Protein backbone atom coordinates (compact mmCIF):
# COMPACT_ATOMS: atom_id res chain seq x y z
CA MET A 1 0.00 0.00 0.00
CA ASP A 2 1.25 3.45 -0.81
CA VAL A 3 2.55 5.52 2.13
CA SER A 4 0.50 8.54 1.11
CA LEU A 5 -2.70 6.45 1.19
CA VAL A 6 -1.90 5.19 4.68
CA GLN A 7 -1.14 8.72 5.79
CA PHE A 8 -4.43 9.95 4.28
CA PHE A 9 -6.47 7.38 6.20
CA TYR A 10 -4.54 8.12 9.37
CA GLN A 11 -5.33 11.82 9.09
CA LEU A 12 -8.96 11.06 8.22
CA PHE A 13 -9.45 8.82 11.27
CA LYS A 14 -7.61 11.32 13.45
CA PHE A 15 -9.89 14.12 12.22
CA PHE A 16 -13.14 12.21 12.85
CA SER A 17 -12.03 11.10 16.30
CA LEU A 18 -11.71 14.66 17.58
CA PRO A 19 -13.89 15.43 20.60
CA SER A 20 -16.01 17.88 18.60
CA PHE A 21 -17.40 14.96 16.62
CA ALA A 22 -17.99 12.75 19.66
CA GLN A 23 -21.49 12.46 21.07
CA ALA A 24 -21.68 11.72 24.77
CA ASP A 25 -25.44 11.13 24.95
CA ILE A 26 -25.72 8.15 22.60
CA PRO A 27 -27.88 5.51 24.28
CA ARG A 28 -26.23 2.16 24.73
CA PRO A 29 -27.86 -0.71 22.88
CA LYS A 30 -29.69 -3.30 24.93
CA GLU A 31 -27.63 -6.24 25.97
CA LEU A 32 -28.60 -9.38 24.16
CA SER A 33 -30.29 -11.72 26.60
CA ALA A 34 -32.23 -14.95 26.37
CA SER A 35 -35.55 -13.16 26.81
CA ILE A 36 -34.89 -10.93 23.79
CA ILE A 37 -33.93 -13.90 21.63
CA VAL A 38 -36.99 -15.84 22.80
CA GLY A 39 -39.17 -12.81 22.01
CA TYR A 40 -37.88 -12.61 18.45
CA LEU A 41 -38.21 -16.36 17.93
CA ASN A 42 -41.74 -16.27 19.32
CA LYS A 43 -42.70 -13.57 16.81
CA ILE A 44 -41.27 -15.61 13.94
CA VAL A 45 -42.97 -18.79 15.13
CA SER A 46 -46.29 -17.00 15.60
CA TYR A 47 -46.26 -16.18 11.87
CA ILE A 48 -44.95 -19.49 10.54
CA PHE A 49 -47.01 -22.07 12.43
CA PRO A 50 -50.48 -20.88 11.38
CA VAL A 51 -49.40 -20.92 7.72
CA VAL A 52 -47.97 -24.42 8.03
CA GLY A 53 -51.09 -25.64 9.85
CA ILE A 54 -53.37 -24.23 7.16
CA LEU A 55 -51.24 -25.82 4.43
CA SER A 56 -51.37 -29.19 6.19
CA VAL A 57 -55.15 -29.06 6.48
CA ALA A 58 -55.42 -27.95 2.85
CA PHE A 59 -53.34 -30.95 1.73
CA ILE A 60 -55.48 -33.28 3.85
CA ILE A 61 -58.57 -31.94 2.10
CA TYR A 62 -56.84 -32.22 -1.27
CA GLY A 63 -55.81 -35.83 -0.56
CA GLY A 64 -59.37 -36.70 0.45
CA TYR A 65 -60.68 -35.11 -2.73
CA MET A 66 -58.16 -37.06 -4.81
CA TRP A 67 -59.28 -40.28 -3.12
CA MET A 68 -62.95 -39.54 -3.77
CA ILE A 69 -62.45 -38.84 -7.48
CA SER A 70 -60.04 -41.74 -8.00
CA GLY A 71 -62.90 -43.98 -9.10
CA GLY A 72 -61.23 -47.05 -7.64
CA ASP A 73 -58.14 -46.73 -9.83
CA PRO A 74 -55.37 -48.28 -7.67
CA GLU A 75 -52.71 -45.86 -8.89
CA LYS A 76 -54.81 -42.78 -8.08
CA VAL A 77 -55.81 -44.22 -4.70
CA LYS A 78 -52.15 -44.86 -3.89
CA LYS A 79 -51.26 -41.27 -4.85
CA ALA A 80 -54.11 -39.93 -2.69
CA GLN A 81 -53.01 -42.09 0.24
CA GLY A 82 -49.48 -40.76 -0.11
CA THR A 83 -50.75 -37.18 -0.09
CA LEU A 84 -52.87 -37.85 2.99
CA THR A 85 -50.05 -39.64 4.78
CA TRP A 86 -47.54 -36.86 4.25
CA ALA A 87 -50.07 -34.15 5.07
CA ILE A 88 -50.92 -35.84 8.37
CA ILE A 89 -47.22 -36.37 9.14
CA GLY A 90 -46.65 -32.67 8.46
CA LEU A 91 -49.52 -31.66 10.73
CA VAL A 92 -48.29 -33.92 13.55
CA PHE A 93 -44.75 -32.61 13.10
CA THR A 94 -46.04 -29.02 13.26
CA ILE A 95 -48.01 -29.66 16.45
CA LEU A 96 -45.12 -31.49 18.13
CA SER A 97 -42.57 -28.84 17.20
CA ARG A 98 -44.88 -26.14 18.57
CA LEU A 99 -45.21 -28.07 21.83
CA ILE A 100 -41.45 -28.56 22.09
CA LEU A 101 -40.82 -24.87 21.42
CA GLY A 102 -43.39 -23.98 24.08
CA ILE A 103 -41.51 -26.10 26.60
CA ILE A 104 -38.20 -24.49 25.61
CA TYR A 105 -39.68 -20.98 25.81
CA GLY A 106 -41.06 -21.77 29.26
CA GLY A 107 -37.62 -22.88 30.39
CA PHE A 108 -36.01 -19.64 29.19
CA GLN A 109 -38.66 -17.45 30.75
CA SER A 110 -38.44 -19.12 34.16
CA SER A 111 -34.69 -18.55 34.43
């Protein structure tokens, strides 16, 4: 690096660090604690879980509809059963993960 460039940055940093540019009344940021992290995660979860639950129920309805219109065709029935199976697994997974997160949140809030 060129010496003049280093000297320029040194003078620039020296100029902006003068007391006239310092502000003494800047509020300190909040310290990051478990309750703040849990609050943010709770907000995110409160938006995601209803959407996932609605999608799971929609796929259950769709799988039931596919089964009804299959007309006894074994391939279509198998496809409908697969849709229903995975939709129910998704719904159970969503409910269980919400319960586990509730237990974890309770543990953070009690400490």
